[in-house]
Amino acid sequence: MTLRERIADWISGGALSRQKTRDYTWAAACASSALQVTKLKIHLECIAACETPGANATVRRMAKIAREALE
């Protein structure tokens, strides 16, 4: 932080510091969320691929639900 920013932060009671921390936290949460969504899609694709011609009804239902979630 520059001297001007530190003075403004001091005058505002730390509002500038809190805002910068909040912005950083939000960006980190968004990046983490995007990674989780990617992992989730990969796992759903694996579940959908479990359906084989000889699969029982439970596996077919599970694969159908996974395909619907990917749409």
N, C-alpha and C. Protein backbone atom coordinates (compact mmCIF):
# COMPACT_ATOMS: atom_id res chain seq x y z
N MET A 1 0.84 -1.18 0.00
CA MET A 1 0.00 0.00 0.00
C MET A 1 0.89 1.24 0.00
N THR A 2 0.44 2.21 -0.74
CA THR A 2 1.17 3.47 -0.76
C THR A 2 0.85 4.25 0.51
N LEU A 3 1.60 5.31 0.75
CA LEU A 3 1.37 6.13 1.93
C LEU A 3 -0.04 6.71 1.89
N ARG A 4 -0.47 7.16 0.73
CA ARG A 4 -1.81 7.74 0.59
C ARG A 4 -2.89 6.70 0.94
N GLU A 5 -2.71 5.46 0.46
CA GLU A 5 -3.67 4.41 0.75
C GLU A 5 -3.68 4.06 2.23
N ARG A 6 -2.48 4.04 2.86
CA ARG A 6 -2.42 3.74 4.29
C ARG A 6 -3.11 4.82 5.11
N ILE A 7 -2.94 6.08 4.71
CA ILE A 7 -3.60 7.18 5.42
C ILE A 7 -5.13 7.06 5.24
N ALA A 8 -5.56 6.80 4.02
CA ALA A 8 -6.99 6.65 3.77
C ALA A 8 -7.55 5.46 4.56
N ASP A 9 -6.77 4.41 4.64
CA ASP A 9 -7.19 3.24 5.41
C ASP A 9 -7.31 3.58 6.89
N TRP A 10 -6.36 4.32 7.39
CA TRP A 10 -6.37 4.72 8.80
C TRP A 10 -7.57 5.63 9.09
N ILE A 11 -7.83 6.59 8.20
CA ILE A 11 -8.95 7.52 8.38
C ILE A 11 -10.29 6.76 8.32
N SER A 12 -10.38 5.79 7.42
CA SER A 12 -11.64 5.06 7.25
C SER A 12 -11.82 3.94 8.28
N GLY A 13 -10.88 3.78 9.14
CA GLY A 13 -10.99 2.73 10.15
C GLY A 13 -10.71 1.34 9.60
N GLY A 14 -9.91 1.24 8.58
CA GLY A 14 -9.53 -0.06 8.01
C GLY A 14 -10.45 -0.55 6.91
N ALA A 15 -11.32 0.31 6.40
CA ALA A 15 -12.26 -0.12 5.36
C ALA A 15 -11.54 -0.57 4.09
N LEU A 16 -10.46 0.11 3.73
CA LEU A 16 -9.73 -0.25 2.51
C LEU A 16 -9.09 -1.63 2.67
N SER A 17 -8.50 -1.89 3.82
CA SER A 17 -7.90 -3.20 4.06
C SER A 17 -8.95 -4.30 4.03
N ARG A 18 -10.09 -4.07 4.65
CA ARG A 18 -11.15 -5.07 4.65
C ARG A 18 -11.65 -5.33 3.24
N GLN A 19 -11.79 -4.29 2.43
CA GLN A 19 -12.27 -4.46 1.06
C GLN A 19 -11.27 -5.26 0.23
N LYS A 20 -9.98 -4.96 0.37
CA LYS A 20 -8.97 -5.71 -0.38
C LYS A 20 -8.97 -7.17 0.02
N THR A 21 -9.11 -7.45 1.31
CA THR A 21 -9.16 -8.83 1.80
C THR A 21 -10.39 -9.52 1.27
N ARG A 22 -11.52 -8.85 1.27
CA ARG A 22 -12.77 -9.42 0.78
C ARG A 22 -12.66 -9.74 -0.71
N ASP A 23 -12.06 -8.84 -1.49
CA ASP A 23 -11.91 -9.09 -2.92
C ASP A 23 -11.02 -10.30 -3.17
N TYR A 24 -9.93 -10.42 -2.40
CA TYR A 24 -9.01 -11.54 -2.57
C TYR A 24 -9.71 -12.85 -2.20
N THR A 25 -10.46 -12.83 -1.11
CA THR A 25 -11.17 -14.02 -0.66
C THR A 25 -12.21 -14.44 -1.69
N TRP A 26 -12.91 -13.49 -2.26
CA TRP A 26 -13.92 -13.79 -3.28
C TRP A 26 -13.28 -14.41 -4.51
N ALA A 27 -12.14 -13.87 -4.95
CA ALA A 27 -11.45 -14.41 -6.12
C ALA A 27 -10.98 -15.84 -5.85
N ALA A 28 -10.46 -16.08 -4.66
CA ALA A 28 -10.01 -17.43 -4.30
C ALA A 28 -11.18 -18.40 -4.26
N ALA A 29 -12.31 -17.96 -3.73
CA ALA A 29 -13.49 -18.82 -3.66
C ALA A 29 -14.00 -19.16 -5.06
N CYS A 30 -13.97 -18.19 -5.97
CA CYS A 30 -14.42 -18.44 -7.34
C CYS A 30 -13.50 -19.44 -8.04
N ALA A 31 -12.19 -19.31 -7.85
CA ALA A 31 -11.24 -20.23 -8.47
C ALA A 31 -11.45 -21.64 -7.91
N SER A 32 -11.64 -21.74 -6.62
CA SER A 32 -11.87 -23.03 -5.99
C SER A 32 -13.17 -23.65 -6.48
N SER A 33 -14.19 -22.83 -6.63
CA SER A 33 -15.49 -23.31 -7.10
C SER A 33 -15.39 -23.84 -8.52
N ALA A 34 -14.64 -23.15 -9.37
CA ALA A 34 -14.48 -23.60 -10.76
C ALA A 34 -13.79 -24.96 -10.81
N LEU A 35 -12.80 -25.15 -9.95
CA LEU A 35 -12.10 -26.43 -9.90
C LEU A 35 -13.03 -27.54 -9.43
N GLN A 36 -13.87 -27.25 -8.44
CA GLN A 36 -14.81 -28.24 -7.94
C GLN A 36 -15.84 -28.62 -9.00
N VAL A 37 -16.29 -27.66 -9.77
CA VAL A 37 -17.26 -27.93 -10.83
C VAL A 37 -16.63 -28.83 -11.89
N THR A 38 -15.38 -28.57 -12.23
CA THR A 38 -14.68 -29.39 -13.22
C THR A 38 -14.55 -30.83 -12.72
N LYS A 39 -14.16 -30.99 -11.46
CA LYS A 39 -14.05 -32.33 -10.88
C LYS A 39 -15.40 -33.04 -10.87
N LEU A 40 -16.43 -32.31 -10.53
CA LEU A 40 -17.77 -32.89 -10.47
C LEU A 40 -18.21 -33.37 -11.85
N LYS A 41 -17.93 -32.59 -12.89
CA LYS A 41 -18.30 -33.00 -14.25
C LYS A 41 -17.56 -34.27 -14.66
N ILE A 42 -16.28 -34.36 -14.29
CA ILE A 42 -15.49 -35.55 -14.63
C ILE A 42 -16.09 -36.78 -13.95
N HIS A 43 -16.45 -36.65 -12.69
CA HIS A 43 -17.02 -37.78 -11.96
C HIS A 43 -18.39 -38.18 -12.51
N LEU A 44 -19.19 -37.20 -12.88
CA LEU A 44 -20.50 -37.52 -13.46
C LEU A 44 -20.34 -38.23 -14.80
N GLU A 45 -19.35 -37.82 -15.60
CA GLU A 45 -19.10 -38.50 -16.87
C GLU A 45 -18.67 -39.95 -16.64
N CYS A 46 -17.88 -40.18 -15.60
CA CYS A 46 -17.47 -41.55 -15.26
C CYS A 46 -18.67 -42.40 -14.85
N ILE A 47 -19.56 -41.81 -14.07
CA ILE A 47 -20.76 -42.53 -13.64
C ILE A 47 -21.64 -42.85 -14.85
N ALA A 48 -21.81 -41.89 -15.75
CA ALA A 48 -22.62 -42.11 -16.94
C ALA A 48 -22.01 -43.20 -17.83
N ALA A 49 -20.69 -43.30 -17.83
CA ALA A 49 -20.02 -44.31 -18.65
C ALA A 49 -20.12 -45.71 -18.07
N CYS A 50 -20.60 -45.87 -16.85
CA CYS A 50 -20.74 -47.19 -16.22
C CYS A 50 -21.86 -48.02 -16.83
N GLU A 51 -22.73 -47.40 -17.57
CA GLU A 51 -23.85 -48.14 -18.16
C GLU A 51 -23.34 -49.00 -19.31
N THR A 52 -23.57 -50.28 -19.19
CA THR A 52 -23.20 -51.24 -20.23
C THR A 52 -24.47 -51.95 -20.69
N PRO A 53 -24.40 -52.69 -21.80
CA PRO A 53 -25.60 -53.39 -22.28
C PRO A 53 -26.17 -54.37 -21.24
N GLY A 54 -25.32 -54.94 -20.41
CA GLY A 54 -25.80 -55.91 -19.42
C GLY A 54 -26.02 -55.32 -18.04
N ALA A 55 -26.02 -54.01 -17.94
CA ALA A 55 -26.16 -53.36 -16.62
C ALA A 55 -27.57 -53.54 -16.08
N ASN A 56 -27.65 -53.65 -14.75
CA ASN A 56 -28.98 -53.81 -14.13
C ASN A 56 -29.70 -52.46 -14.07
N ALA A 57 -30.94 -52.49 -13.60
CA ALA A 57 -31.79 -51.29 -13.61
C ALA A 57 -31.22 -50.17 -12.74
N THR A 58 -30.59 -50.54 -11.64
CA THR A 58 -30.03 -49.52 -10.74
C THR A 58 -28.91 -48.75 -11.43
N VAL A 59 -28.05 -49.47 -12.12
CA VAL A 59 -26.93 -48.82 -12.83
C VAL A 59 -27.46 -47.97 -13.96
N ARG A 60 -28.47 -48.45 -14.67
CA ARG A 60 -29.05 -47.65 -15.76
C ARG A 60 -29.68 -46.37 -15.22
N ARG A 61 -30.38 -46.47 -14.09
CA ARG A 61 -30.97 -45.27 -13.46
C ARG A 61 -29.88 -44.29 -13.03
N MET A 62 -28.83 -44.84 -12.42
CA MET A 62 -27.72 -44.00 -11.95
C MET A 62 -27.06 -43.27 -13.14
N ALA A 63 -26.84 -43.97 -14.23
CA ALA A 63 -26.22 -43.36 -15.41
C ALA A 63 -27.14 -42.30 -16.02
N LYS A 64 -28.44 -42.58 -16.02
CA LYS A 64 -29.41 -41.61 -16.55
C LYS A 64 -29.39 -40.32 -15.73
N ILE A 65 -29.37 -40.45 -14.41
CA ILE A 65 -29.32 -39.28 -13.54
C ILE A 65 -28.04 -38.49 -13.77
N ALA A 66 -26.92 -39.18 -13.95
CA ALA A 66 -25.64 -38.50 -14.19
C ALA A 66 -25.67 -37.74 -15.53
N ARG A 67 -26.23 -38.38 -16.56
CA ARG A 67 -26.33 -37.69 -17.86
C ARG A 67 -27.22 -36.46 -17.78
N GLU A 68 -28.33 -36.57 -17.04
CA GLU A 68 -29.23 -35.41 -16.88
C GLU A 68 -28.54 -34.28 -16.13
N ALA A 69 -27.71 -34.64 -15.16
CA ALA A 69 -26.99 -33.60 -14.39
C ALA A 69 -25.96 -32.89 -15.27
N LEU A 70 -25.45 -33.57 -16.26
CA LEU A 70 -24.44 -32.96 -17.14
C LEU A 70 -25.06 -32.03 -18.18
N GLU A 71 -26.36 -32.12 -18.39
CA GLU A 71 -27.00 -31.27 -19.41
C GLU A 71 -27.10 -29.85 -18.95
